Amino acid sequence: MKHSVAGGKVTVTAKVKDAQKVWLMHRSSPKEPFKQVEMPTAGALYSITLDKPAGFQYYVIAEGDRLAVCSPERASYVFYEVK
């Protein structure tokens, strides 16, 4: 999992194995609900670029045929933050 910032945009990239879909959950403020967007794939890399508001927080959900995995693991309580 990594993110980069350039020109007012944030790019989030995840290396995921054996997933059917990967979702980016993001918000621009701790008071807002998370928005869900599917991340496009290029092989095992999933990447998406969005506008970067102040306070950008996110986590990723990878769905397989039997289970889903979050990154970070405690995504209900812990998030990645782009400053």
PDB file of N, CA and C in Angstrom:
ATOM      1  N   MET A   1       0.843  -1.165   0.000  1.00  0.00           N
ATOM      2  CA  MET A   1       0.000   0.000   0.000  1.00  0.00           C
ATOM      3  C   MET A   1       0.889   1.229   0.000  1.00  0.00           C
ATOM      4  N   LYS A   2       0.605   2.145  -0.911  1.00  0.00           N
ATOM      5  CA  LYS A   2       1.333   3.415  -0.890  1.00  0.00           C
ATOM      6  C   LYS A   2       0.470   4.490  -1.518  1.00  0.00           C
ATOM      7  N   HIS A   3       0.821   5.727  -1.213  1.00  0.00           N
ATOM      8  CA  HIS A   3       0.154   6.853  -1.856  1.00  0.00           C
ATOM      9  C   HIS A   3       1.194   7.907  -2.195  1.00  0.00           C
ATOM     10  N   SER A   4       0.874   8.705  -3.198  1.00  0.00           N
ATOM     11  CA  SER A   4       1.744   9.814  -3.589  1.00  0.00           C
ATOM     12  C   SER A   4       0.865  11.007  -3.934  1.00  0.00           C
ATOM     13  N   VAL A   5       1.431  12.193  -3.761  1.00  0.00           N
ATOM     14  CA  VAL A   5       0.702  13.430  -4.011  1.00  0.00           C
ATOM     15  C   VAL A   5       1.454  14.241  -5.053  1.00  0.00           C
ATOM     16  N   ALA A   6       0.717  14.745  -6.045  1.00  0.00           N
ATOM     17  CA  ALA A   6       1.314  15.602  -7.069  1.00  0.00           C
ATOM     18  C   ALA A   6       0.213  16.455  -7.691  1.00  0.00           C
ATOM     19  N   GLY A   7       0.463  17.753  -7.782  1.00  0.00           N
ATOM     20  CA  GLY A   7      -0.471  18.653  -8.452  1.00  0.00           C
ATOM     21  C   GLY A   7      -1.887  18.647  -7.920  1.00  0.00           C
ATOM     22  N   GLY A   8      -2.038  18.578  -6.607  1.00  0.00           N
ATOM     23  CA  GLY A   8      -3.380  18.612  -6.021  1.00  0.00           C
ATOM     24  C   GLY A   8      -4.143  17.304  -6.144  1.00  0.00           C
ATOM     25  N   LYS A   9      -3.467  16.237  -6.548  1.00  0.00           N
ATOM     26  CA  LYS A   9      -4.081  14.911  -6.691  1.00  0.00           C
ATOM     27  C   LYS A   9      -3.345  13.930  -5.789  1.00  0.00           C
ATOM     28  N   VAL A  10      -4.057  12.900  -5.372  1.00  0.00           N
ATOM     29  CA  VAL A  10      -3.441  11.812  -4.613  1.00  0.00           C
ATOM     30  C   VAL A  10      -3.658  10.521  -5.401  1.00  0.00           C
ATOM     31  N   THR A  11      -2.603   9.731  -5.526  1.00  0.00           N
ATOM     32  CA  THR A  11      -2.678   8.424  -6.181  1.00  0.00           C
ATOM     33  C   THR A  11      -2.447   7.357  -5.124  1.00  0.00           C
ATOM     34  N   VAL A  12      -3.397   6.443  -5.020  1.00  0.00           N
ATOM     35  CA  VAL A  12      -3.298   5.334  -4.075  1.00  0.00           C
ATOM     36  C   VAL A  12      -3.067   4.067  -4.890  1.00  0.00           C
ATOM     37  N   THR A  13      -2.035   3.308  -4.507  1.00  0.00           N
ATOM     38  CA  THR A  13      -1.681   2.074  -5.209  1.00  0.00           C
ATOM     39  C   THR A  13      -1.590   0.937  -4.214  1.00  0.00           C
ATOM     40  N   ALA A  14      -2.194  -0.196  -4.567  1.00  0.00           N
ATOM     41  CA  ALA A  14      -2.170  -1.382  -3.710  1.00  0.00           C
ATOM     42  C   ALA A  14      -1.758  -2.590  -4.543  1.00  0.00           C
ATOM     43  N   LYS A  15      -0.850  -3.384  -4.008  1.00  0.00           N
ATOM     44  CA  LYS A  15      -0.472  -4.638  -4.644  1.00  0.00           C
ATOM     45  C   LYS A  15      -1.301  -5.727  -3.980  1.00  0.00           C
ATOM     46  N   VAL A  16      -2.186  -6.348  -4.758  1.00  0.00           N
ATOM     47  CA  VAL A  16      -3.146  -7.298  -4.214  1.00  0.00           C
ATOM     48  C   VAL A  16      -3.096  -8.588  -5.022  1.00  0.00           C
ATOM     49  N   LYS A  17      -3.146  -9.705  -4.320  1.00  0.00           N
ATOM     50  CA  LYS A  17      -3.102 -11.009  -4.964  1.00  0.00           C
ATOM     51  C   LYS A  17      -4.436 -11.726  -4.764  1.00  0.00           C
ATOM     52  N   ASP A  18      -4.936 -12.355  -5.809  1.00  0.00           N
ATOM     53  CA  ASP A  18      -6.140 -13.193  -5.750  1.00  0.00           C
ATOM     54  C   ASP A  18      -7.401 -12.445  -5.339  1.00  0.00           C
ATOM     55  N   ALA A  19      -7.532 -11.202  -5.731  1.00  0.00           N
ATOM     56  CA  ALA A  19      -8.747 -10.443  -5.420  1.00  0.00           C
ATOM     57  C   ALA A  19      -9.641 -10.361  -6.662  1.00  0.00           C
ATOM     58  N   GLN A  20     -10.941 -10.349  -6.430  1.00  0.00           N
ATOM     59  CA  GLN A  20     -11.880 -10.159  -7.530  1.00  0.00           C
ATOM     60  C   GLN A  20     -12.174  -8.673  -7.727  1.00  0.00           C
ATOM     61  N   LYS A  21     -12.250  -7.940  -6.620  1.00  0.00           N
ATOM     62  CA  LYS A  21     -12.463  -6.491  -6.667  1.00  0.00           C
ATOM     63  C   LYS A  21     -11.698  -5.851  -5.525  1.00  0.00           C
ATOM     64  N   VAL A  22     -11.259  -4.621  -5.765  1.00  0.00           N
ATOM     65  CA  VAL A  22     -10.582  -3.845  -4.730  1.00  0.00           C
ATOM     66  C   VAL A  22     -11.263  -2.488  -4.663  1.00  0.00           C
ATOM     67  N   TRP A  23     -11.591  -2.077  -3.451  1.00  0.00           N
ATOM     68  CA  TRP A  23     -12.320  -0.830  -3.229  1.00  0.00           C
ATOM     69  C   TRP A  23     -11.471   0.140  -2.417  1.00  0.00           C
ATOM     70  N   LEU A  24     -11.495   1.397  -2.808  1.00  0.00           N
ATOM     71  CA  LEU A  24     -10.901   2.463  -2.009  1.00  0.00           C
ATOM     72  C   LEU A  24     -12.036   3.147  -1.263  1.00  0.00           C
ATOM     73  N   MET A  25     -11.913   3.206   0.047  1.00  0.00           N
ATOM     74  CA  MET A  25     -12.862   3.926   0.888  1.00  0.00           C
ATOM     75  C   MET A  25     -12.153   5.208   1.311  1.00  0.00           C
ATOM     76  N   HIS A  26     -12.723   6.368   1.004  1.00  0.00           N
ATOM     77  CA  HIS A  26     -12.022   7.627   1.274  1.00  0.00           C
ATOM     78  C   HIS A  26     -12.976   8.705   1.765  1.00  0.00           C
ATOM     79  N   ARG A  27     -12.404   9.668   2.463  1.00  0.00           N
ATOM     80  CA  ARG A  27     -13.163  10.835   2.917  1.00  0.00           C
ATOM     81  C   ARG A  27     -12.200  12.002   3.076  1.00  0.00           C
ATOM     82  N   SER A  28     -12.772  13.207   3.115  1.00  0.00           N
ATOM     83  CA  SER A  28     -11.927  14.404   3.218  1.00  0.00           C
ATOM     84  C   SER A  28     -11.965  15.027   4.602  1.00  0.00           C
ATOM     85  N   SER A  29     -12.757  14.451   5.500  1.00  0.00           N
ATOM     86  CA  SER A  29     -12.858  14.978   6.857  1.00  0.00           C
ATOM     87  C   SER A  29     -13.315  13.856   7.790  1.00  0.00           C
ATOM     88  N   PRO A  30     -12.798  13.826   9.018  1.00  0.00           N
ATOM     89  CA  PRO A  30     -13.244  12.802   9.964  1.00  0.00           C
ATOM     90  C   PRO A  30     -14.742  12.852  10.264  1.00  0.00           C
ATOM     91  N   LYS A  31     -15.385  13.970   9.976  1.00  0.00           N
ATOM     92  CA  LYS A  31     -16.820  14.103  10.235  1.00  0.00           C
ATOM     93  C   LYS A  31     -17.667  13.569   9.079  1.00  0.00           C
ATOM     94  N   GLU A  32     -17.051  13.276   7.944  1.00  0.00           N
ATOM     95  CA  GLU A  32     -17.785  12.795   6.773  1.00  0.00           C
ATOM     96  C   GLU A  32     -17.813  11.268   6.736  1.00  0.00           C
ATOM     97  N   PRO A  33     -18.838  10.698   6.104  1.00  0.00           N
ATOM     98  CA  PRO A  33     -18.817   9.249   5.893  1.00  0.00           C
ATOM     99  C   PRO A  33     -17.826   8.904   4.770  1.00  0.00           C
ATOM    100  N   PHE A  34     -17.363   7.672   4.761  1.00  0.00           N
ATOM    101  CA  PHE A  34     -16.468   7.232   3.695  1.00  0.00           C
ATOM    102  C   PHE A  34     -17.244   7.038   2.393  1.00  0.00           C
ATOM    103  N   LYS A  35     -16.602   7.376   1.281  1.00  0.00           N
ATOM    104  CA  LYS A  35     -17.142   7.130  -0.055  1.00  0.00           C
ATOM    105  C   LYS A  35     -16.401   5.935  -0.621  1.00  0.00           C
ATOM    106  N   GLN A  36     -17.101   5.134  -1.410  1.00  0.00           N
ATOM    107  CA  GLN A  36     -16.524   3.913  -1.961  1.00  0.00           C
ATOM    108  C   GLN A  36     -16.339   4.063  -3.464  1.00  0.00           C
ATOM    109  N   VAL A  37     -15.149   3.678  -3.952  1.00  0.00           N
ATOM    110  CA  VAL A  37     -14.885   3.689  -5.387  1.00  0.00           C
ATOM    111  C   VAL A  37     -14.053   2.451  -5.721  1.00  0.00           C
ATOM    112  N   GLU A  38     -14.407   1.775  -6.809  1.00  0.00           N
ATOM    113  CA  GLU A  38     -13.654   0.591  -7.224  1.00  0.00           C
ATOM    114  C   GLU A  38     -12.326   1.020  -7.832  1.00  0.00           C
ATOM    115  N   MET A  39     -11.270   0.313  -7.469  1.00  0.00           N
ATOM    116  CA  MET A  39      -9.933   0.625  -7.986  1.00  0.00           C
ATOM    117  C   MET A  39      -9.672  -0.215  -9.242  1.00  0.00           C
ATOM    118  N   PRO A  40      -9.281   0.426 -10.355  1.00  0.00           N
ATOM    119  CA  PRO A  40      -8.953  -0.333 -11.559  1.00  0.00           C
ATOM    120  C   PRO A  40      -7.649  -1.106 -11.382  1.00  0.00           C
ATOM    121  N   THR A  41      -7.507  -2.183 -12.144  1.00  0.00           N
ATOM    122  CA  THR A  41      -6.342  -3.051 -12.005  1.00  0.00           C
ATOM    123  C   THR A  41      -5.465  -3.055 -13.250  1.00  0.00           C
ATOM    124  N   ALA A  42      -4.197  -3.298 -13.011  1.00  0.00           N
ATOM    125  CA  ALA A  42      -3.226  -3.571 -14.068  1.00  0.00           C
ATOM    126  C   ALA A  42      -2.415  -4.764 -13.552  1.00  0.00           C
ATOM    127  N   GLY A  43      -2.961  -5.963 -13.713  1.00  0.00           N
ATOM    128  CA  GLY A  43      -2.324  -7.154 -13.156  1.00  0.00           C
ATOM    129  C   GLY A  43      -2.581  -7.239 -11.666  1.00  0.00           C
ATOM    130  N   ALA A  44      -1.519  -7.287 -10.866  1.00  0.00           N
ATOM    131  CA  ALA A  44      -1.659  -7.371  -9.408  1.00  0.00           C
ATOM    132  C   ALA A  44      -1.654  -5.994  -8.756  1.00  0.00           C
ATOM    133  N   LEU A  45      -1.486  -4.930  -9.555  1.00  0.00           N
ATOM    134  CA  LEU A  45      -1.484  -3.568  -9.014  1.00  0.00           C
ATOM    135  C   LEU A  45      -2.833  -2.903  -9.265  1.00  0.00           C
ATOM    136  N   TYR A  46      -3.372  -2.348  -8.207  1.00  0.00           N
ATOM    137  CA  TYR A  46      -4.609  -1.576  -8.290  1.00  0.00           C
ATOM    138  C   TYR A  46      -4.243  -0.144  -7.959  1.00  0.00           C
ATOM    139  N   SER A  47      -4.700   0.802  -8.786  1.00  0.00           N
ATOM    140  CA  SER A  47      -4.299   2.195  -8.577  1.00  0.00           C
ATOM    141  C   SER A  47      -5.418   3.131  -8.999  1.00  0.00           C
ATOM    142  N   ILE A  48      -5.549   4.221  -8.259  1.00  0.00           N
ATOM    143  CA  ILE A  48      -6.550   5.236  -8.595  1.00  0.00           C
ATOM    144  C   ILE A  48      -6.025   6.606  -8.184  1.00  0.00           C
ATOM    145  N   THR A  49      -6.377   7.613  -8.965  1.00  0.00           N
ATOM    146  CA  THR A  49      -5.981   8.998  -8.683  1.00  0.00           C
ATOM    147  C   THR A  49      -7.239   9.820  -8.467  1.00  0.00           C
ATOM    148  N   LEU A  50      -7.250  10.574  -7.372  1.00  0.00           N
ATOM    149  CA  LEU A  50      -8.387  11.434  -7.010  1.00  0.00           C
ATOM    150  C   LEU A  50      -7.878  12.810  -6.622  1.00  0.00           C
ATOM    151  N   ASP A  51      -8.797  13.799  -6.611  1.00  0.00           N
ATOM    152  CA  ASP A  51      -8.453  15.109  -6.064  1.00  0.00           C
ATOM    153  C   ASP A  51      -8.101  14.934  -4.591  1.00  0.00           C
ATOM    154  N   LYS A  52      -7.113  15.706  -4.116  1.00  0.00           N
ATOM    155  CA  LYS A  52      -6.672  15.595  -2.729  1.00  0.00           C
ATOM    156  C   LYS A  52      -7.178  16.768  -1.906  1.00  0.00           C
ATOM    157  N   PRO A  53      -8.211  16.537  -1.124  1.00  0.00           N
ATOM    158  CA  PRO A  53      -8.636  17.582  -0.196  1.00  0.00           C
ATOM    159  C   PRO A  53      -7.745  17.562   1.045  1.00  0.00           C
ATOM    160  N   ALA A  54      -7.830  18.591   1.851  1.00  0.00           N
ATOM    161  CA  ALA A  54      -7.118  18.591   3.138  1.00  0.00           C
ATOM    162  C   ALA A  54      -7.733  17.506   4.010  1.00  0.00           C
ATOM    163  N   GLY A  55      -6.922  16.790   4.747  1.00  0.00           N
ATOM    164  CA  GLY A  55      -7.436  15.766   5.659  1.00  0.00           C
ATOM    165  C   GLY A  55      -7.887  14.485   4.976  1.00  0.00           C
ATOM    166  N   PHE A  56      -7.327  14.141   3.834  1.00  0.00           N
ATOM    167  CA  PHE A  56      -7.713  12.944   3.084  1.00  0.00           C
ATOM    168  C   PHE A  56      -7.371  11.685   3.882  1.00  0.00           C
ATOM    169  N   GLN A  57      -8.379  10.870   4.176  1.00  0.00           N
ATOM    170  CA  GLN A  57      -8.191   9.601   4.880  1.00  0.00           C
ATOM    171  C   GLN A  57      -8.735   8.485   4.001  1.00  0.00           C
ATOM    172  N   TYR A  58      -8.100   7.308   4.094  1.00  0.00           N
ATOM    173  CA  TYR A  58      -8.577   6.198   3.276  1.00  0.00           C
ATOM    174  C   TYR A  58      -8.185   4.854   3.873  1.00  0.00           C
ATOM    175  N   TYR A  59      -8.877   3.829   3.399  1.00  0.00           N
ATOM    176  CA  TYR A  59      -8.485   2.450   3.611  1.00  0.00           C
ATOM    177  C   TYR A  59      -8.909   1.664   2.385  1.00  0.00           C
ATOM    178  N   VAL A  60      -8.422   0.442   2.263  1.00  0.00           N
ATOM    179  CA  VAL A  60      -8.670  -0.370   1.076  1.00  0.00           C
ATOM    180  C   VAL A  60      -9.298  -1.695   1.498  1.00  0.00           C
ATOM    181  N   ILE A  61     -10.270  -2.146   0.719  1.00  0.00           N
ATOM    182  CA  ILE A  61     -10.903  -3.450   0.922  1.00  0.00           C
ATOM    183  C   ILE A  61     -10.644  -4.291  -0.324  1.00  0.00           C
ATOM    184  N   ALA A  62     -10.063  -5.474  -0.147  1.00  0.00           N
ATOM    185  CA  ALA A  62      -9.846  -6.420  -1.246  1.00  0.00           C
ATOM    186  C   ALA A  62     -10.809  -7.584  -1.047  1.00  0.00           C
ATOM    187  N   GLU A  63     -11.659  -7.831  -2.041  1.00  0.00           N
ATOM    188  CA  GLU A  63     -12.651  -8.895  -1.957  1.00  0.00           C
ATOM    189  C   GLU A  63     -12.226 -10.077  -2.807  1.00  0.00           C
ATOM    190  N   GLY A  64     -12.261 -11.261  -2.203  1.00  0.00           N
ATOM    191  CA  GLY A  64     -12.035 -12.497  -2.923  1.00  0.00           C
ATOM    192  C   GLY A  64     -13.342 -13.253  -3.034  1.00  0.00           C
ATOM    193  N   ASP A  65     -13.280 -14.500  -3.468  1.00  0.00           N
ATOM    194  CA  ASP A  65     -14.515 -15.269  -3.601  1.00  0.00           C
ATOM    195  C   ASP A  65     -15.055 -15.761  -2.261  1.00  0.00           C
ATOM    196  N   ARG A  66     -14.205 -15.784  -1.222  1.00  0.00           N
ATOM    197  CA  ARG A  66     -14.654 -16.273   0.091  1.00  0.00           C
ATOM    198  C   ARG A  66     -14.551 -15.252   1.216  1.00  0.00           C
ATOM    199  N   LEU A  67     -13.700 -14.237   1.062  1.00  0.00           N
ATOM    200  CA  LEU A  67     -13.524 -13.295   2.161  1.00  0.00           C
ATOM    201  C   LEU A  67     -13.071 -11.942   1.647  1.00  0.00           C
ATOM    202  N   ALA A  68     -13.063 -10.997   2.549  1.00  0.00           N
ATOM    203  CA  ALA A  68     -12.571  -9.646   2.250  1.00  0.00           C
ATOM    204  C   ALA A  68     -11.497  -9.291   3.278  1.00  0.00           C
ATOM    205  N   VAL A  69     -10.500  -8.551   2.822  1.00  0.00           N
ATOM    206  CA  VAL A  69      -9.396  -8.147   3.689  1.00  0.00           C
ATOM    207  C   VAL A  69      -9.270  -6.633   3.623  1.00  0.00           C
ATOM    208  N   CYS A  70      -9.079  -6.005   4.779  1.00  0.00           N
ATOM    209  CA  CYS A  70      -8.910  -4.551   4.846  1.00  0.00           C
ATOM    210  C   CYS A  70      -7.455  -4.192   5.093  1.00  0.00           C
ATOM    211  N   SER A  71      -7.071  -3.063   4.552  1.00  0.00           N
ATOM    212  CA  SER A  71      -5.756  -2.496   4.851  1.00  0.00           C
ATOM    213  C   SER A  71      -5.952  -1.025   5.166  1.00  0.00           C
ATOM    214  N   PRO A  72      -5.556  -0.591   6.362  1.00  0.00           N
ATOM    215  CA  PRO A  72      -4.967  -1.369   7.437  1.00  0.00           C
ATOM    216  C   PRO A  72      -5.971  -2.362   8.026  1.00  0.00           C
ATOM    217  N   GLU A  73      -5.450  -3.367   8.728  1.00  0.00           N
ATOM    218  CA  GLU A  73      -6.291  -4.436   9.264  1.00  0.00           C
ATOM    219  C   GLU A  73      -7.420  -3.917  10.144  1.00  0.00           C
ATOM    220  N   ARG A  74      -7.157  -2.901  10.927  1.00  0.00           N
ATOM    221  CA  ARG A  74      -8.158  -2.345  11.846  1.00  0.00           C
ATOM    222  C   ARG A  74      -8.847  -1.129  11.230  1.00  0.00           C
ATOM    223  N   ALA A  75      -9.264  -1.253   9.974  1.00  0.00           N
ATOM    224  CA  ALA A  75      -9.796  -0.116   9.219  1.00  0.00           C
ATOM    225  C   ALA A  75     -11.020   0.527   9.865  1.00  0.00           C
ATOM    226  N   SER A  76     -11.684  -0.140  10.754  1.00  0.00           N
ATOM    227  CA  SER A  76     -12.807   0.488  11.452  1.00  0.00           C
ATOM    228  C   SER A  76     -12.327   1.568  12.426  1.00  0.00           C
ATOM    229  N   TYR A  77     -11.046   1.464  12.823  1.00  0.00           N
ATOM    230  CA  TYR A  77     -10.511   2.377  13.828  1.00  0.00           C
ATOM    231  C   TYR A  77      -9.270   3.125  13.387  1.00  0.00           C
ATOM    232  N   VAL A  78      -8.554   2.586  12.402  1.00  0.00           N
ATOM    233  CA  VAL A  78      -7.288   3.134  11.947  1.00  0.00           C
ATOM    234  C   VAL A  78      -7.350   3.345  10.440  1.00  0.00           C
ATOM    235  N   PHE A  79      -6.881   4.488   9.958  1.00  0.00           N
ATOM    236  CA  PHE A  79      -6.933   4.797   8.527  1.00  0.00           C
ATOM    237  C   PHE A  79      -5.592   5.322   8.066  1.00  0.00           C
ATOM    238  N   TYR A  80      -5.356   5.239   6.765  1.00  0.00           N
ATOM    239  CA  TYR A  80      -4.199   5.938   6.190  1.00  0.00           C
ATOM    240  C   TYR A  80      -4.601   7.400   6.037  1.00  0.00           C
ATOM    241  N   GLU A  81      -3.654   8.287   6.222  1.00  0.00           N
ATOM    242  CA  GLU A  81      -3.943   9.721   6.112  1.00  0.00           C
ATOM    243  C   GLU A  81      -2.907  10.381   5.217  1.00  0.00           C
ATOM    244  N   VAL A  82      -3.397  11.211   4.313  1.00  0.00           N
ATOM    245  CA  VAL A  82      -2.528  11.970   3.412  1.00  0.00           C
ATOM    246  C   VAL A  82      -2.515  13.400   3.897  1.00  0.00           C
ATOM    247  N   LYS A  83      -1.332  13.910   4.214  1.00  0.00           N
ATOM    248  CA  LYS A  83      -1.231  15.274   4.749  1.00  0.00           C
ATOM    249  C   LYS A  83      -0.704  16.217   3.713  1.00  0.00           C
TER     250      LYS A  83
END
